[in-house]
Amino acid sequence: MILENSGMPLYLQLYEILKKKITSGEWELNSTIPTEIELMGSFAVGRETVRRAILRLVSEGYLYRHRGRGTFVCRNRPEDAMEQLVSFSAEMLARGYKPGAILLEHDLRKPGGEVRNILELPEGEEIIYMKRLRTANELPVALEESFLTREIVGKVDKNKLSGSFYSYLAYEKKIPLGKITQEISSVLADEETAELLGVKRGHPILQLARLIYTVDNRPFFWLTFRYRGDLYSIKTQLEPK
């Protein structure tokens, strides 16, 4: 129940009520939530109150919006601090988009010299490789390539590769992440990247290279993202302690 004189802003009261519906499972994952007008009627509040509550849930990754279709439930737990920094899915959800992943390749292979050196592996050791096309509201945004150390990651369930790989590692395989280093540069799209991202060959794109370590400082996860620069921008927010 929303109380006018509780001392808490109306939108925060509504936010807490709606979040509980999500986290309790009353509103199921991928289901459409009631419209703004329906929520206004159900809780006897104004449109601005509803919009502010929904916006907060979107920014925290509980909901995502799809223009012309409505607002949907996308997760039933809060993000952790690391997820906000490194997860493509979490980032797209925070921007109000539905993230997606199309698996293009997934296999075991012997890495080239550069990847072997980056992951500090002996010659001849196989790694887990995958290539995915990342989407936002079903629009291609980035081409992702990942190289993972088998000893640390173990067997990867192919059925889990259409969603957040961070969530799979952190919450299902329970691999805590340690130090992360990354570099952002501008490159030109090669033929494959251009075709997958819907740009011309030689089109300038953003490339992000990221190396993730275990908590005991072992590099185990090297990945690169190639983003369409006209559809994607990188934002970082740092807060003083």
Protein backbone atom coordinates (compact mmCIF):
# COMPACT_ATOMS: atom_id res chain seq x y z
CA MET A 1 0.00 0.00 0.00
CA ILE A 2 1.24 3.49 -0.87
CA LEU A 3 0.88 6.07 1.90
CA GLU A 4 0.78 9.79 1.19
CA ASN A 5 2.21 10.80 4.58
CA SER A 6 4.76 8.07 5.16
CA GLY A 7 7.78 10.36 4.73
CA MET A 8 9.01 8.28 1.80
CA PRO A 9 8.49 9.67 -1.73
CA LEU A 10 5.64 8.00 -3.58
CA TYR A 11 7.85 6.79 -6.43
CA LEU A 12 10.20 5.02 -3.97
CA GLN A 13 7.25 3.31 -2.30
CA LEU A 14 6.03 2.14 -5.70
CA TYR A 15 9.56 1.11 -6.68
CA GLU A 16 9.81 -1.13 -3.60
CA ILE A 17 6.42 -2.70 -4.28
CA LEU A 18 7.22 -3.41 -7.92
CA LYS A 19 10.69 -4.74 -7.13
CA LYS A 20 9.19 -7.20 -4.65
CA LYS A 21 6.83 -8.45 -7.37
CA ILE A 22 9.91 -9.17 -9.49
CA THR A 23 12.19 -10.68 -6.85
CA SER A 24 9.40 -12.86 -5.42
CA GLY A 25 8.59 -14.29 -8.84
CA GLU A 26 5.06 -12.86 -8.92
CA TRP A 27 6.12 -11.17 -12.15
CA GLU A 28 7.94 -13.88 -14.06
CA LEU A 29 11.11 -13.42 -16.10
CA ASN A 30 10.46 -12.17 -19.65
CA SER A 31 6.85 -11.33 -18.83
CA THR A 32 5.31 -7.97 -19.71
CA ILE A 33 4.50 -5.77 -16.74
CA PRO A 34 1.26 -3.72 -16.56
CA THR A 35 1.13 -0.50 -18.56
CA GLU A 36 1.65 2.93 -16.98
CA ILE A 37 -2.09 3.57 -17.04
CA GLU A 38 -2.80 0.22 -15.37
CA LEU A 39 -0.23 0.91 -12.66
CA MET A 40 -1.63 4.40 -12.11
CA GLY A 41 -5.07 2.89 -11.56
CA SER A 42 -3.88 0.02 -9.38
CA PHE A 43 -1.88 2.21 -6.99
CA ALA A 44 -3.78 5.52 -7.29
CA VAL A 45 -0.67 7.49 -8.25
CA GLY A 46 0.22 9.87 -11.05
CA ARG A 47 2.06 9.13 -14.27
CA GLU A 48 5.29 10.79 -13.08
CA THR A 49 5.37 8.56 -9.98
CA VAL A 50 5.00 5.45 -12.15
CA ARG A 51 7.64 6.60 -14.63
CA ARG A 52 10.21 7.37 -11.95
CA ALA A 53 9.68 3.98 -10.28
CA ILE A 54 9.95 2.14 -13.61
CA LEU A 55 13.02 4.14 -14.65
CA ARG A 56 14.82 3.15 -11.46
CA LEU A 57 14.01 -0.53 -12.00
CA VAL A 58 15.25 -0.25 -15.59
CA SER A 59 18.48 1.45 -14.50
CA GLU A 60 19.08 -1.31 -11.94
CA GLY A 61 18.57 -4.01 -14.56
CA TYR A 62 15.33 -5.54 -13.28
CA LEU A 63 13.32 -4.38 -16.31
CA TYR A 64 13.98 -3.50 -19.92
CA ARG A 65 11.90 -1.56 -22.40
CA HIS A 66 11.15 -2.53 -25.97
CA ARG A 67 9.75 0.32 -28.02
CA GLY A 68 6.26 -0.47 -29.24
CA ARG A 69 6.03 -3.68 -27.20
CA GLY A 70 6.14 -2.64 -23.56
CA THR A 71 8.31 -3.15 -20.47
CA PHE A 72 9.54 -6.61 -19.52
CA VAL A 73 11.04 -8.39 -16.52
CA CYS A 74 14.62 -9.41 -17.25
CA ARG A 75 16.12 -10.45 -13.92
CA ASN A 76 15.10 -11.15 -10.34
CA ARG A 77 18.27 -10.31 -8.46
CA PRO A 78 20.36 -7.13 -8.05
CA GLU A 79 23.58 -6.61 -9.98
CA ASP A 80 26.89 -6.78 -8.18
CA ALA A 81 29.53 -4.09 -8.58
CA MET A 82 31.72 -6.14 -10.93
CA GLU A 83 28.79 -7.00 -13.18
CA GLN A 84 27.99 -3.32 -13.70
CA LEU A 85 31.52 -2.79 -15.02
CA VAL A 86 32.17 -5.80 -17.24
CA SER A 87 28.86 -7.36 -18.32
CA PHE A 88 27.53 -6.38 -21.75
CA SER A 89 24.10 -7.70 -20.75
CA ALA A 90 24.03 -5.61 -17.57
CA GLU A 91 25.13 -2.54 -19.49
CA MET A 92 22.43 -2.92 -22.13
CA LEU A 93 19.78 -3.47 -19.46
CA ALA A 94 20.92 -0.33 -17.66
CA ARG A 95 20.39 1.57 -20.92
CA GLY A 96 16.89 0.15 -21.24
CA TYR A 97 17.59 -2.39 -24.01
CA LYS A 98 17.04 -6.12 -24.18
CA PRO A 99 20.47 -7.77 -24.56
CA GLY A 100 21.01 -10.81 -26.73
CA ALA A 101 23.75 -13.13 -27.92
CA ILE A 102 23.92 -15.25 -31.06
CA LEU A 103 26.52 -18.00 -30.78
CA LEU A 104 28.63 -18.17 -33.95
CA GLU A 105 31.46 -20.48 -32.87
CA HIS A 106 32.31 -22.55 -29.79
CA ASP A 107 35.10 -25.11 -29.58
CA LEU A 108 38.34 -26.22 -28.00
CA ARG A 109 41.47 -25.13 -29.84
CA LYS A 110 45.16 -24.47 -29.47
CA PRO A 111 45.63 -20.71 -29.25
CA GLY A 112 48.03 -18.63 -31.28
CA GLY A 113 51.14 -17.21 -29.71
CA GLU A 114 49.58 -13.89 -28.70
CA VAL A 115 46.67 -15.43 -26.80
CA ARG A 116 48.92 -18.10 -25.27
CA ASN A 117 51.25 -15.42 -23.94
CA ILE A 118 48.39 -13.28 -22.64
CA LEU A 119 46.89 -16.21 -20.74
CA GLU A 120 50.37 -17.44 -19.69
CA LEU A 121 49.77 -20.96 -20.98
CA PRO A 122 52.29 -23.63 -21.97
CA GLU A 123 52.61 -24.42 -25.67
CA GLY A 124 50.15 -27.04 -26.87
CA GLU A 125 47.50 -26.48 -24.18
CA GLU A 126 43.96 -26.10 -25.49
CA ILE A 127 41.65 -23.25 -24.57
CA ILE A 128 37.89 -22.69 -24.74
CA TYR A 129 36.99 -20.39 -27.63
CA MET A 130 33.72 -18.74 -28.49
CA LYS A 131 32.52 -16.06 -30.85
CA ARG A 132 29.16 -14.33 -30.33
CA LEU A 133 27.22 -11.57 -32.02
CA ARG A 134 25.85 -9.28 -29.30
CA THR A 135 22.56 -7.51 -29.84
CA ALA A 136 20.46 -4.80 -28.22
CA ASN A 137 16.73 -5.01 -28.93
CA GLU A 138 17.69 -7.54 -31.62
CA LEU A 139 19.94 -5.05 -33.44
CA PRO A 140 23.60 -6.17 -33.93
CA VAL A 141 25.86 -3.99 -31.79
CA ALA A 142 29.10 -5.89 -31.17
CA LEU A 143 31.16 -8.92 -32.21
CA GLU A 144 32.66 -10.67 -29.19
CA GLU A 145 35.53 -13.19 -29.15
CA SER A 146 36.48 -14.99 -25.94
CA PHE A 147 39.45 -17.18 -24.99
CA LEU A 148 39.27 -19.01 -21.65
CA THR A 149 41.62 -21.26 -19.70
CA ARG A 150 40.10 -24.77 -19.45
CA GLU A 151 41.76 -25.58 -16.12
CA ILE A 152 39.93 -22.72 -14.39
CA VAL A 153 36.64 -22.55 -16.29
CA GLY A 154 36.04 -26.26 -16.83
CA LYS A 155 33.32 -27.49 -19.17
CA VAL A 156 31.09 -24.77 -20.66
CA ASP A 157 27.39 -25.51 -21.19
CA LYS A 158 26.63 -24.42 -24.76
CA ASN A 159 23.00 -23.80 -23.78
CA LYS A 160 24.12 -20.98 -21.48
CA LEU A 161 25.86 -18.98 -24.21
CA SER A 162 22.81 -17.08 -25.42
CA GLY A 163 22.68 -15.01 -22.23
CA SER A 164 25.03 -13.22 -19.85
CA PHE A 165 28.33 -15.09 -19.70
CA TYR A 166 29.29 -13.07 -16.62
CA SER A 167 26.25 -14.40 -14.75
CA TYR A 168 27.10 -17.93 -15.87
CA LEU A 169 30.68 -17.66 -14.58
CA ALA A 170 29.91 -15.80 -11.36
CA TYR A 171 26.62 -17.34 -10.25
CA GLU A 172 26.44 -20.81 -11.79
CA LYS A 173 30.10 -21.81 -12.01
CA LYS A 174 30.91 -19.60 -8.99
CA ILE A 175 34.23 -18.32 -10.31
CA PRO A 176 35.09 -15.07 -8.49
CA LEU A 177 36.74 -12.48 -10.69
CA GLY A 178 39.87 -10.62 -9.67
CA LYS A 179 41.80 -7.86 -11.39
CA ILE A 180 40.64 -6.62 -14.79
CA THR A 181 42.65 -4.70 -17.36
CA GLN A 182 41.25 -3.32 -20.59
CA GLU A 183 42.19 -1.17 -23.54
CA ILE A 184 39.93 0.72 -25.95
CA SER A 185 41.09 1.56 -29.46
CA SER A 186 39.73 2.48 -32.87
CA VAL A 187 40.13 -0.06 -35.68
CA LEU A 188 38.74 -0.63 -39.16
CA ALA A 189 36.12 -3.33 -39.73
CA ASP A 190 37.37 -6.40 -41.57
CA GLU A 191 35.08 -8.24 -43.97
CA GLU A 192 33.53 -10.59 -41.38
CA THR A 193 33.00 -7.88 -38.77
CA ALA A 194 31.51 -5.52 -41.34
CA GLU A 195 29.03 -8.12 -42.57
CA LEU A 196 27.91 -9.13 -39.07
CA LEU A 197 27.54 -5.57 -37.78
CA GLY A 198 25.91 -4.26 -40.94
CA VAL A 199 28.59 -1.73 -41.90
CA LYS A 200 30.95 -1.36 -44.84
CA ARG A 201 34.38 -2.96 -44.81
CA GLY A 202 36.89 -0.41 -43.50
CA HIS A 203 34.23 1.36 -41.41
CA PRO A 204 35.74 2.74 -38.16
CA ILE A 205 34.67 0.70 -35.13
CA LEU A 206 35.52 0.67 -31.43
CA GLN A 207 37.52 -2.27 -30.10
CA LEU A 208 37.68 -3.13 -26.43
CA ALA A 209 40.22 -5.74 -25.30
CA ARG A 210 39.79 -7.04 -21.75
CA LEU A 211 41.85 -9.43 -19.63
CA ILE A 212 40.26 -10.89 -16.51
CA TYR A 213 42.22 -12.52 -13.68
CA THR A 214 41.26 -14.89 -10.88
CA VAL A 215 41.34 -13.62 -7.31
CA ASP A 216 44.81 -15.17 -6.97
CA ASN A 217 46.03 -13.11 -9.93
CA ARG A 218 46.00 -15.72 -12.72
CA PRO A 219 44.90 -14.49 -16.16
CA PHE A 220 42.17 -16.82 -17.43
CA PHE A 221 39.70 -14.87 -19.61
CA TRP A 222 40.78 -12.79 -22.60
CA LEU A 223 38.08 -11.25 -24.78
CA THR A 224 37.62 -8.58 -27.39
CA PHE A 225 34.53 -6.62 -28.37
CA ARG A 226 34.22 -4.83 -31.70
CA TYR A 227 31.41 -2.28 -31.45
CA ARG A 228 29.54 -0.26 -34.04
CA GLY A 229 30.68 3.25 -33.14
CA ASP A 230 27.51 4.82 -34.52
CA LEU A 231 25.31 2.74 -32.19
CA TYR A 232 27.47 2.42 -29.11
CA SER A 233 29.33 4.71 -26.76
CA ILE A 234 31.37 3.80 -23.71
CA LYS A 235 30.47 5.51 -20.44
CA THR A 236 32.30 5.16 -17.14
CA GLN A 237 31.22 6.53 -13.80
CA LEU A 238 33.54 6.59 -10.80
CA GLU A 239 32.30 7.54 -7.37
CA PRO A 240 34.58 8.82 -4.58
CA LYS A 241 34.67 6.68 -1.47
